[in-house]
Amino acid sequence: MAACTSEDPELFFPLPHARPQIRHAKAVCAACPVRLNCLHLALGHGLDHGIFGGFTAEERRGLVRHTSSAGTANKYLAARATSSCVAGRPRRPPRRR
């Protein structure tokens, strides 16, 4: 069921400066029905390379630092995994009026 099964696995292990490749991998993850399972797998096994569930290794480390309990982590991940930044588009701050 994973969207990445039809992609080259190398896509999900880009060099740190390969921004177009990272955006493409995140776009594949954004359309994936099992992206949260993938992300939980990467977090649970301490995978420190590659893109899993739409998150780079650095982003996953940030998730671990900012979430202290499993419940908080699940709520945060669910909100973040459905945000536009997962698809490689930066999230804009809200406009002030």
Protein backbone atom coordinates (compact mmCIF):
# COMPACT_ATOMS: atom_id res chain seq x y z
CA MET A 1 0.00 0.00 0.00
CA ALA A 2 2.98 2.34 0.42
CA ALA A 3 3.38 4.98 -2.28
CA CYS A 4 7.15 4.53 -2.33
CA THR A 5 7.06 0.95 -3.65
CA SER A 6 7.02 2.17 -7.24
CA GLU A 7 9.88 4.65 -6.66
CA ASP A 8 13.64 4.16 -6.74
CA PRO A 9 14.72 3.57 -3.10
CA GLU A 10 17.65 5.94 -3.61
CA LEU A 11 15.14 8.80 -3.82
CA PHE A 12 14.54 8.47 -0.08
CA PHE A 13 18.24 8.62 0.83
CA PRO A 14 19.34 11.95 -0.66
CA LEU A 15 22.46 13.91 0.09
CA PRO A 16 21.76 16.75 2.55
CA HIS A 17 22.05 19.45 -0.12
CA ALA A 18 19.84 17.71 -2.72
CA ARG A 19 16.76 19.87 -2.14
CA PRO A 20 14.86 18.89 -5.33
CA GLN A 21 15.28 15.21 -4.45
CA ILE A 22 14.13 15.84 -0.89
CA ARG A 23 11.06 17.75 -2.12
CA HIS A 24 10.22 14.93 -4.53
CA ALA A 25 10.54 12.27 -1.82
CA LYS A 26 8.35 14.31 0.55
CA ALA A 27 5.74 14.72 -2.18
CA VAL A 28 5.60 10.94 -2.61
CA CYS A 29 5.18 10.57 1.16
CA ALA A 30 2.45 13.21 1.26
CA ALA A 31 0.29 11.06 -1.01
CA CYS A 32 0.98 7.85 0.92
CA PRO A 33 -1.82 6.20 2.92
CA VAL A 34 0.64 4.61 5.39
CA ARG A 35 2.99 7.54 6.00
CA LEU A 36 2.29 7.70 9.74
CA ASN A 37 3.07 3.99 10.09
CA CYS A 38 6.31 4.58 8.21
CA LEU A 39 7.20 7.51 10.43
CA HIS A 40 6.44 5.55 13.60
CA LEU A 41 8.61 2.70 12.33
CA ALA A 42 11.54 5.07 11.72
CA LEU A 43 11.13 6.69 15.14
CA GLY A 44 10.69 3.37 16.93
CA HIS A 45 13.81 1.87 15.38
CA GLY A 46 15.98 4.97 15.62
CA LEU A 47 16.60 5.20 11.88
CA ASP A 48 18.92 8.16 11.45
CA HIS A 49 19.20 8.31 7.65
CA GLY A 50 16.70 8.79 4.88
CA ILE A 51 13.21 10.15 4.51
CA PHE A 52 10.45 8.21 6.25
CA GLY A 53 6.86 9.34 6.52
CA GLY A 54 7.74 12.63 4.85
CA PHE A 55 10.38 13.60 7.42
CA THR A 56 14.14 13.82 7.01
CA ALA A 57 16.41 12.41 9.72
CA GLU A 58 16.98 15.92 11.06
CA GLU A 59 13.24 16.61 11.21
CA ARG A 60 12.67 13.32 13.03
CA ARG A 61 15.29 14.24 15.61
CA GLY A 62 13.40 17.50 16.15
CA LEU A 63 10.18 15.58 16.67
CA VAL A 64 11.78 13.44 19.34
CA ARG A 65 13.13 16.53 21.12
CA HIS A 66 9.80 18.38 21.04
CA THR A 67 7.50 15.57 22.10
CA SER A 68 7.77 14.06 25.52
CA SER A 69 4.89 11.59 25.73
CA ALA A 70 3.49 9.11 23.26
CA GLY A 71 0.09 10.85 23.25
CA THR A 72 1.65 14.24 22.57
CA ALA A 73 3.85 12.72 19.90
CA ASN A 74 0.92 11.07 18.12
CA LYS A 75 -1.15 14.28 18.07
CA TYR A 76 1.84 16.30 16.86
CA LEU A 77 2.74 13.77 14.17
CA ALA A 78 -0.83 13.53 12.90
CA ALA A 79 -1.06 17.30 12.56
CA ARG A 80 2.39 17.67 11.05
CA ALA A 81 2.07 14.75 8.64
CA THR A 82 -0.99 16.32 7.05
CA SER A 83 0.51 19.81 6.76
CA SER A 84 1.61 21.30 3.46
CA CYS A 85 5.29 21.36 4.45
CA VAL A 86 5.42 17.55 4.20
CA ALA A 87 4.86 17.89 0.47
CA GLY A 88 7.94 20.08 0.22
CA ARG A 89 6.13 23.41 0.35
CA PRO A 90 7.22 25.66 3.20
CA ARG A 91 4.52 26.60 5.64
CA ARG A 92 3.79 30.33 5.69
CA PRO A 93 3.20 32.16 8.95
CA PRO A 94 -0.31 33.56 9.38
CA ARG A 95 -0.85 37.10 8.15
CA ARG A 96 -1.26 39.77 10.79
CA ARG A 97 -3.88 42.43 10.25
